Protein backbone atom coordinates (compact mmCIF):
# COMPACT_ATOMS: atom_id res chain seq x y z
CA UNK A 1 -6.33 18.84 17.36
CA UNK A 2 -5.11 18.87 13.58
CA UNK A 3 -1.31 19.40 13.02
CA UNK A 4 -0.34 22.52 11.19
CA UNK A 5 -0.63 22.73 7.34
CA UNK A 6 3.47 23.68 7.11
CA UNK A 7 3.69 19.74 8.26
CA UNK A 8 0.93 18.23 5.90
CA UNK A 9 2.76 20.29 3.10
CA UNK A 10 6.12 19.00 4.23
CA UNK A 11 5.01 15.24 3.83
CA UNK A 12 3.39 16.08 0.38
CA UNK A 13 6.64 17.50 -0.91
CA UNK A 14 8.44 14.09 0.40
CA UNK A 15 6.07 12.15 -1.88
CA UNK A 16 6.42 14.61 -4.62
CA UNK A 17 10.41 13.64 -4.71
CA UNK A 18 9.36 10.20 -4.69
CA UNK A 19 7.01 10.88 -8.03
CA UNK A 20 9.81 12.99 -9.25
CA UNK A 21 12.58 10.21 -8.79
CA UNK A 22 10.23 7.49 -10.41
CA UNK A 23 9.13 9.54 -13.54
CA UNK A 24 12.88 10.45 -13.99
CA UNK A 25 13.95 6.86 -13.22
CA UNK A 26 17.05 8.39 -10.92
CA UNK A 27 16.87 7.11 -7.35
CA UNK A 28 19.21 9.85 -6.20
CA UNK A 29 16.66 12.39 -6.45
CA UNK A 30 14.60 10.25 -3.45
CA UNK A 31 17.17 8.81 -1.32
CA UNK A 32 17.54 11.51 1.17
CA UNK A 33 14.09 11.12 1.90
CA UNK A 34 14.21 7.81 2.85
CA UNK A 35 15.41 6.26 6.21
CA UNK A 36 18.66 4.40 5.43
CA UNK A 37 16.93 1.45 6.76
CA UNK A 38 13.71 1.80 4.88
CA UNK A 39 11.96 -1.24 3.79
CA UNK A 40 9.55 -2.20 1.15
CA UNK A 41 6.88 -4.94 0.44
CA UNK A 42 4.71 -5.03 -2.25
CA UNK A 43 2.91 -7.53 -4.91
CA UNK A 44 3.82 -7.56 -9.07
CA UNK A 45 1.51 -8.60 -11.29
CA UNK A 46 -0.87 -10.17 -8.65
CA UNK A 47 1.70 -13.09 -8.53
CA UNK A 48 4.94 -12.02 -7.42
CA UNK A 49 5.69 -10.89 -4.03
CA UNK A 50 8.91 -8.78 -3.42
CA UNK A 51 10.34 -7.30 0.09
CA UNK A 52 13.61 -6.15 1.52
CA UNK A 53 15.55 -3.16 2.01
CA UNK A 54 15.07 -0.16 0.11
CA UNK A 55 18.17 -0.41 -1.94
CA UNK A 56 16.22 -2.79 -3.88
CA UNK A 57 13.71 -0.34 -4.98
CA UNK A 58 16.52 2.11 -6.05
CA UNK A 59 17.86 -0.57 -8.28
CA UNK A 60 14.36 -1.01 -9.84
CA UNK A 61 14.08 2.63 -10.47
CA UNK A 62 17.71 3.13 -11.69
CA UNK A 63 17.31 -0.18 -14.28
CA UNK A 64 13.82 0.83 -15.88
CA UNK A 65 15.11 4.56 -16.33
CA UNK A 66 12.96 7.08 -17.14
CA UNK A 67 8.93 7.19 -17.81
CA UNK A 68 7.22 8.41 -20.89
CA UNK A 69 5.44 11.52 -20.83
CA UNK A 70 1.95 9.95 -20.30
CA UNK A 71 3.29 9.00 -16.68
CA UNK A 72 0.94 10.66 -13.94
CA UNK A 73 0.67 10.40 -10.15
CA UNK A 74 -1.59 11.75 -7.49
CA UNK A 75 -0.83 12.27 -4.05
CA UNK A 76 -2.64 11.74 -0.82
CA UNK A 77 -2.02 12.53 2.40
CA UNK A 78 -4.24 9.95 4.55
CA UNK A 79 -3.00 10.51 7.79
CA UNK A 80 -0.75 12.75 9.69
CA UNK A 81 -0.17 12.45 13.70
CA UNK A 82 2.43 14.39 15.42
CA UNK A 83 5.73 12.24 14.03
CA UNK A 84 3.83 9.52 11.88
CA UNK A 85 2.27 10.02 8.46
CA UNK A 86 0.62 7.76 5.61
CA UNK A 87 0.58 9.00 1.95
CA UNK A 88 -1.29 7.02 -0.83
CA UNK A 89 0.53 7.32 -4.10
CA UNK A 90 -1.61 6.67 -7.54
CA UNK A 91 0.85 6.20 -10.65
CA UNK A 92 -0.27 5.30 -13.80
CA UNK A 93 1.88 4.37 -16.96
CA UNK A 94 5.12 3.66 -15.24
CA UNK A 95 6.56 1.27 -18.00
CA UNK A 96 3.16 -0.12 -18.62
CA UNK A 97 2.08 -0.41 -14.68
CA UNK A 98 -0.43 1.34 -12.45
CA UNK A 99 0.79 1.36 -8.69
CA UNK A 100 -0.76 1.96 -5.71
CA UNK A 101 2.10 2.80 -2.61
CA UNK A 102 1.54 3.58 0.34
CA UNK A 103 4.44 5.45 2.32
CA UNK A 104 4.77 5.82 6.00
CA UNK A 105 6.79 8.22 6.85
CA UNK A 106 8.21 9.28 10.40
CA UNK A 107 9.67 12.32 11.79
CA UNK A 108 13.32 11.71 12.73
CA UNK A 109 15.73 14.76 13.98
CA UNK A 110 13.32 17.29 12.74
CA UNK A 111 12.90 15.79 9.25
CA UNK A 112 10.23 13.54 7.35
CA UNK A 113 11.61 10.45 6.06
CA UNK A 114 9.78 7.43 4.47
CA UNK A 115 10.60 4.46 6.56
CA UNK A 116 8.25 1.79 4.59
CA UNK A 117 7.11 1.80 1.25
CA UNK A 118 4.08 -1.06 0.45
CA UNK A 119 2.83 -1.10 -2.88
CA UNK A 120 0.39 -3.33 -5.42
CA UNK A 121 0.06 -2.87 -9.12
CA UNK A 122 -1.69 -3.72 -11.93
CA UNK A 123 -0.06 -4.37 -15.56
CA UNK A 124 -1.25 -2.13 -17.87
CA UNK A 125 -0.55 -4.55 -20.93
CA UNK A 126 -2.99 -7.02 -19.55
């Protein structure tokens, strides 16, 4: 049986906050939607692997700052099952990069929280 649409909408709203924070260059927008012990892992420019606590992601957003008006994103809720969800976020024009993020969420104490962010990127400058 499929979960109620309101759950999909709640997960979608978390992903929208993620995109809002990335575009604005302000991690405080998305921090409430991450689990405090969340992690990230990804590949930058097909060469450099990055991983660690989510605070490193916050630092990156804040350091790079706001994106230009050409930043665009797409959100797809790929899977939702009771207390787990998987979301794909595709982003173009984040400071010259194209990202694909996979956000893994858990429903913790009644709230959807991002517990892991995995990403891959291509440079739009290449």
